């Protein structure tokens, strides 16, 4: 039995050489995939956060109320407040059209 290390590729069985190529191709594919995912996150993430709509200047909330969520509709703006209310506002004048109380669930 030959106890010499397999240093030469000619001494290796063809199956072992094929397996080495497969492992190398898999490692290269994984590296390229990881680089692609990181690049997409870096490219897409800042643009996703910057395109938030702003409230019109005419819209102001009542004193002591802080907005938690805003929804823009056709001809109205809904603001969910920290006081468990939904305020329906006119987008042009900022006038309050409706105030809906939210009852917290159990």
N, C-alpha and C. Protein backbone atom coordinates (compact mmCIF):
# COMPACT_ATOMS: atom_id res chain seq x y z
N UNK A 1 0.84 -1.17 0.00
CA UNK A 1 0.00 0.00 0.00
C UNK A 1 0.89 1.23 0.00
N UNK A 2 0.56 2.19 -0.80
CA UNK A 2 1.33 3.41 -0.93
C UNK A 2 0.81 4.42 0.09
N UNK A 3 1.66 4.83 1.05
CA UNK A 3 1.27 5.78 2.09
C UNK A 3 1.67 7.21 1.75
N UNK A 4 2.08 7.46 0.55
CA UNK A 4 2.50 8.80 0.14
C UNK A 4 1.27 9.71 0.01
N UNK A 5 1.42 10.99 0.38
CA UNK A 5 0.28 11.92 0.25
C UNK A 5 -0.09 12.12 -1.21
N UNK A 6 -1.34 12.44 -1.43
CA UNK A 6 -1.84 12.64 -2.79
C UNK A 6 -1.52 14.05 -3.24
N UNK A 7 -0.31 14.34 -3.61
CA UNK A 7 0.10 15.67 -4.02
C UNK A 7 -0.14 15.92 -5.49
N UNK A 8 -0.03 14.92 -6.28
CA UNK A 8 -0.21 15.07 -7.72
C UNK A 8 -1.66 14.76 -8.09
N UNK A 9 -2.22 15.57 -8.98
CA UNK A 9 -3.61 15.32 -9.39
C UNK A 9 -3.73 14.08 -10.25
N UNK A 10 -2.61 13.64 -10.84
CA UNK A 10 -2.66 12.43 -11.67
C UNK A 10 -2.84 11.19 -10.80
N UNK A 11 -2.42 11.25 -9.53
CA UNK A 11 -2.54 10.11 -8.64
C UNK A 11 -3.93 9.96 -8.06
N UNK A 12 -4.75 11.01 -8.16
CA UNK A 12 -6.08 10.98 -7.56
C UNK A 12 -7.05 10.23 -8.46
N UNK A 13 -8.01 9.57 -7.83
CA UNK A 13 -9.04 8.91 -8.65
C UNK A 13 -9.91 9.98 -9.34
N UNK A 14 -10.50 9.66 -10.48
CA UNK A 14 -11.32 10.65 -11.21
C UNK A 14 -12.51 11.14 -10.39
N UNK A 15 -13.08 10.29 -9.54
CA UNK A 15 -14.22 10.70 -8.72
C UNK A 15 -13.82 11.79 -7.73
N UNK A 16 -12.60 11.66 -7.18
CA UNK A 16 -12.13 12.65 -6.21
C UNK A 16 -11.86 13.98 -6.90
N UNK A 17 -11.31 13.97 -8.11
CA UNK A 17 -11.08 15.20 -8.85
C UNK A 17 -12.42 15.87 -9.20
N UNK A 18 -13.40 15.07 -9.60
CA UNK A 18 -14.73 15.60 -9.92
C UNK A 18 -15.37 16.23 -8.69
N UNK A 19 -15.22 15.57 -7.54
CA UNK A 19 -15.78 16.10 -6.29
C UNK A 19 -15.09 17.41 -5.91
N UNK A 20 -13.80 17.52 -6.12
CA UNK A 20 -13.06 18.75 -5.82
C UNK A 20 -13.55 19.89 -6.69
N UNK A 21 -13.81 19.62 -7.97
CA UNK A 21 -14.34 20.65 -8.87
C UNK A 21 -15.73 21.08 -8.44
N UNK A 22 -16.57 20.12 -8.06
CA UNK A 22 -17.93 20.46 -7.61
C UNK A 22 -17.90 21.32 -6.36
N UNK A 23 -17.04 21.01 -5.41
CA UNK A 23 -16.94 21.79 -4.18
C UNK A 23 -16.44 23.20 -4.49
N UNK A 24 -15.48 23.31 -5.39
CA UNK A 24 -14.97 24.63 -5.76
C UNK A 24 -16.04 25.47 -6.46
N UNK A 25 -16.81 24.86 -7.35
CA UNK A 25 -17.89 25.58 -8.04
C UNK A 25 -18.96 26.01 -7.04
N UNK A 26 -19.30 25.14 -6.11
CA UNK A 26 -20.30 25.49 -5.08
C UNK A 26 -19.81 26.64 -4.21
N UNK A 27 -18.56 26.61 -3.82
CA UNK A 27 -18.01 27.71 -3.00
C UNK A 27 -18.04 29.02 -3.78
N UNK A 28 -17.65 28.99 -5.04
CA UNK A 28 -17.70 30.20 -5.87
C UNK A 28 -19.11 30.73 -6.04
N UNK A 29 -20.07 29.83 -6.24
CA UNK A 29 -21.47 30.24 -6.39
C UNK A 29 -21.99 30.87 -5.11
N UNK A 30 -21.64 30.29 -3.98
CA UNK A 30 -22.09 30.85 -2.70
C UNK A 30 -21.48 32.22 -2.45
N UNK A 31 -20.23 32.40 -2.79
CA UNK A 31 -19.58 33.70 -2.61
C UNK A 31 -20.23 34.75 -3.50
N UNK A 32 -20.47 34.41 -4.77
CA UNK A 32 -21.13 35.35 -5.68
C UNK A 32 -22.55 35.68 -5.22
N UNK A 33 -23.27 34.68 -4.73
CA UNK A 33 -24.62 34.92 -4.23
C UNK A 33 -24.63 35.84 -3.02
N UNK A 34 -23.70 35.65 -2.12
CA UNK A 34 -23.61 36.50 -0.93
C UNK A 34 -23.26 37.94 -1.31
N UNK A 35 -22.34 38.10 -2.24
CA UNK A 35 -21.98 39.44 -2.71
C UNK A 35 -23.18 40.11 -3.38
N UNK A 36 -23.94 39.35 -4.17
CA UNK A 36 -25.13 39.91 -4.82
C UNK A 36 -26.18 40.34 -3.81
N UNK A 37 -26.43 39.54 -2.81
CA UNK A 37 -27.43 39.88 -1.78
C UNK A 37 -27.00 41.14 -1.02
N UNK A 38 -25.74 41.21 -0.64
CA UNK A 38 -25.26 42.39 0.08
C UNK A 38 -25.36 43.64 -0.80
N UNK A 39 -25.00 43.50 -2.08
CA UNK A 39 -25.09 44.65 -2.99
C UNK A 39 -26.53 45.12 -3.15
N UNK A 40 -27.48 44.19 -3.27
CA UNK A 40 -28.88 44.58 -3.41
C UNK A 40 -29.40 45.27 -2.15
N UNK A 41 -29.00 44.80 -1.00
CA UNK A 41 -29.44 45.45 0.24
C UNK A 41 -28.87 46.86 0.32
N UNK A 42 -27.62 47.03 -0.03
CA UNK A 42 -26.99 48.35 0.04
C UNK A 42 -27.61 49.30 -0.98
N UNK A 43 -27.94 48.80 -2.16
CA UNK A 43 -28.50 49.65 -3.21
C UNK A 43 -29.95 49.99 -2.94
N UNK A 44 -30.75 49.04 -2.53
CA UNK A 44 -32.20 49.23 -2.41
C UNK A 44 -32.65 49.82 -1.08
N UNK A 45 -31.97 49.53 0.01
CA UNK A 45 -32.45 49.93 1.33
C UNK A 45 -32.53 51.45 1.51
N UNK A 46 -31.54 52.24 1.15
CA UNK A 46 -31.67 53.70 1.36
C UNK A 46 -32.80 54.32 0.54
N UNK A 47 -33.07 53.82 -0.65
CA UNK A 47 -34.14 54.40 -1.46
C UNK A 47 -35.51 54.01 -0.92
N UNK A 48 -35.62 52.88 -0.29
CA UNK A 48 -36.91 52.47 0.28
C UNK A 48 -37.29 53.34 1.47
N UNK A 49 -36.32 53.80 2.21
CA UNK A 49 -36.61 54.60 3.39
C UNK A 49 -36.79 56.09 3.08
N UNK A 50 -36.33 56.55 1.93
CA UNK A 50 -36.37 57.98 1.65
C UNK A 50 -37.65 58.43 0.96
N UNK A 51 -38.48 57.53 0.50
CA UNK A 51 -39.64 57.93 -0.29
C UNK A 51 -40.92 58.02 0.55
N UNK A 52 -40.83 58.47 1.76
CA UNK A 52 -42.00 58.62 2.61
C UNK A 52 -42.70 59.93 2.27
N UNK A 53 -44.02 59.90 2.14
CA UNK A 53 -44.73 61.15 1.86
C UNK A 53 -44.77 62.03 3.11
N UNK A 54 -44.79 63.32 2.88
CA UNK A 54 -44.84 64.27 3.99
C UNK A 54 -46.25 64.83 4.13
N UNK A 55 -46.60 65.18 5.34
CA UNK A 55 -47.89 65.83 5.58
C UNK A 55 -47.88 67.22 4.95
N UNK A 56 -49.00 67.62 4.36
CA UNK A 56 -49.07 68.99 3.84
C UNK A 56 -48.91 70.01 4.96
N UNK A 57 -48.42 71.18 4.61
CA UNK A 57 -48.18 72.23 5.60
C UNK A 57 -49.47 72.69 6.27
N UNK A 58 -50.60 72.56 5.57
CA UNK A 58 -51.86 73.04 6.12
C UNK A 58 -52.41 72.12 7.21
N UNK A 59 -51.91 70.90 7.28
CA UNK A 59 -52.41 69.93 8.26
C UNK A 59 -51.63 70.07 9.55
N UNK A 60 -52.35 70.31 10.63
CA UNK A 60 -51.72 70.34 11.95
C UNK A 60 -52.60 69.55 12.91
N UNK A 61 -51.97 68.85 13.82
CA UNK A 61 -52.69 68.02 14.78
C UNK A 61 -53.07 68.84 16.00
N UNK A 62 -54.12 68.42 16.71
CA UNK A 62 -54.50 69.11 17.95
C UNK A 62 -53.36 69.08 18.97
N UNK A 63 -53.42 70.00 19.89
CA UNK A 63 -52.38 70.13 20.92
C UNK A 63 -52.28 68.87 21.76
N UNK A 64 -51.07 68.39 21.98
CA UNK A 64 -50.85 67.23 22.83
C UNK A 64 -51.06 65.90 22.13
N UNK A 65 -51.28 65.89 20.84
CA UNK A 65 -51.53 64.66 20.09
C UNK A 65 -50.32 64.37 19.22
N UNK A 66 -49.88 63.11 19.23
CA UNK A 66 -48.75 62.69 18.41
C UNK A 66 -49.22 61.64 17.42
N UNK A 67 -48.82 61.76 16.16
CA UNK A 67 -49.22 60.80 15.12
C UNK A 67 -48.41 59.52 15.23
N UNK A 68 -49.10 58.39 15.12
CA UNK A 68 -48.43 57.09 15.10
C UNK A 68 -48.45 56.48 13.71
N UNK A 69 -49.49 56.82 12.92
CA UNK A 69 -49.59 56.32 11.55
C UNK A 69 -50.40 57.31 10.73
N UNK A 70 -50.10 57.37 9.43
CA UNK A 70 -50.81 58.29 8.54
C UNK A 70 -51.21 57.52 7.28
N UNK A 71 -52.44 57.74 6.83
CA UNK A 71 -52.92 57.14 5.59
C UNK A 71 -53.45 58.24 4.69
N UNK A 72 -52.99 58.25 3.44
CA UNK A 72 -53.45 59.24 2.47
C UNK A 72 -54.50 58.61 1.57
N UNK A 73 -55.68 59.22 1.52
CA UNK A 73 -56.74 58.77 0.64
C UNK A 73 -57.06 59.85 -0.38
N UNK A 74 -58.03 59.59 -1.22
CA UNK A 74 -58.46 60.59 -2.19
C UNK A 74 -59.38 61.58 -1.51
N UNK A 75 -58.87 62.75 -1.25
CA UNK A 75 -59.67 63.79 -0.62
C UNK A 75 -59.69 63.75 0.89
N UNK A 76 -58.86 62.91 1.51
CA UNK A 76 -58.81 62.85 2.96
C UNK A 76 -57.46 62.31 3.43
N UNK A 77 -57.14 62.60 4.68
CA UNK A 77 -55.95 62.06 5.34
C UNK A 77 -56.41 61.51 6.68
N UNK A 78 -56.03 60.28 6.98
CA UNK A 78 -56.36 59.67 8.27
C UNK A 78 -55.09 59.60 9.11
N UNK A 79 -55.18 60.08 10.33
CA UNK A 79 -54.04 60.07 11.24
C UNK A 79 -54.42 59.27 12.48
N UNK A 80 -53.67 58.21 12.75
CA UNK A 80 -53.87 57.43 13.98
C UNK A 80 -52.99 58.08 15.04
N UNK A 81 -53.60 58.43 16.16
CA UNK A 81 -52.87 59.18 17.20
C UNK A 81 -52.51 58.27 18.37
N UNK A 82 -51.66 58.79 19.24
CA UNK A 82 -51.26 58.06 20.44
C UNK A 82 -52.34 58.07 21.51
N UNK A 83 -53.41 58.81 21.29
CA UNK A 83 -54.53 58.85 22.24
C UNK A 83 -55.66 57.92 21.81
N UNK A 84 -55.34 56.92 20.98
CA UNK A 84 -56.30 55.92 20.49
C UNK A 84 -57.47 56.55 19.75
N UNK A 85 -57.15 57.42 18.82
CA UNK A 85 -58.15 58.05 17.97
C UNK A 85 -57.67 58.03 16.52
N UNK A 86 -58.62 58.07 15.62
CA UNK A 86 -58.33 58.26 14.20
C UNK A 86 -58.93 59.60 13.81
N UNK A 87 -58.09 60.48 13.29
CA UNK A 87 -58.54 61.81 12.86
C UNK A 87 -58.61 61.82 11.34
N UNK A 88 -59.77 62.16 10.79
CA UNK A 88 -59.94 62.28 9.35
C UNK A 88 -59.85 63.78 9.02
N UNK A 89 -58.84 64.14 8.23
CA UNK A 89 -58.55 65.55 7.95
C UNK A 89 -58.68 65.84 6.46
N UNK A 90 -59.00 67.09 6.15
CA UNK A 90 -59.01 67.56 4.76
C UNK A 90 -57.57 67.86 4.35
N UNK A 91 -57.09 67.33 3.21
CA UNK A 91 -55.69 67.55 2.85
C UNK A 91 -55.37 68.98 2.43
N UNK A 92 -56.36 69.72 1.95
CA UNK A 92 -56.10 71.09 1.49
C UNK A 92 -56.16 72.11 2.62
N UNK A 93 -57.20 72.01 3.43
CA UNK A 93 -57.38 73.00 4.48
C UNK A 93 -56.84 72.54 5.84
N UNK A 94 -56.72 71.23 6.03
CA UNK A 94 -56.28 70.71 7.32
C UNK A 94 -57.39 70.62 8.33
N UNK A 95 -58.62 70.91 7.90
CA UNK A 95 -59.77 70.90 8.81
C UNK A 95 -60.10 69.47 9.23
N UNK A 96 -60.54 69.33 10.48
CA UNK A 96 -60.93 68.04 11.01
C UNK A 96 -62.33 67.70 10.54
N UNK A 97 -62.48 66.59 9.79
CA UNK A 97 -63.79 66.16 9.32
C UNK A 97 -64.46 65.21 10.31
N UNK A 98 -63.65 64.30 10.87
CA UNK A 98 -64.24 63.28 11.73
C UNK A 98 -63.19 62.81 12.73
N UNK A 99 -63.67 62.44 13.90
CA UNK A 99 -62.80 61.91 14.96
C UNK A 99 -63.41 60.58 15.41
N UNK A 100 -62.64 59.49 15.28
CA UNK A 100 -63.13 58.16 15.61
C UNK A 100 -62.30 57.62 16.77
N UNK A 101 -62.99 57.24 17.86
CA UNK A 101 -62.30 56.66 19.02
C UNK A 101 -62.04 55.17 18.77
N UNK A 102 -60.87 54.72 19.16
CA UNK A 102 -60.51 53.32 19.01
C UNK A 102 -60.53 52.68 20.38
N UNK A 103 -61.29 51.60 20.53
CA UNK A 103 -61.33 50.89 21.80
C UNK A 103 -60.30 49.78 21.75
N UNK A 104 -59.35 49.79 22.67
CA UNK A 104 -58.32 48.76 22.65
C UNK A 104 -58.91 47.38 22.90
N UNK A 105 -58.43 46.40 22.16
CA UNK A 105 -58.91 45.02 22.33
C UNK A 105 -58.20 44.33 23.46
N UNK A 106 -58.74 43.20 23.85
CA UNK A 106 -58.17 42.44 24.98
C UNK A 106 -57.09 41.54 24.49
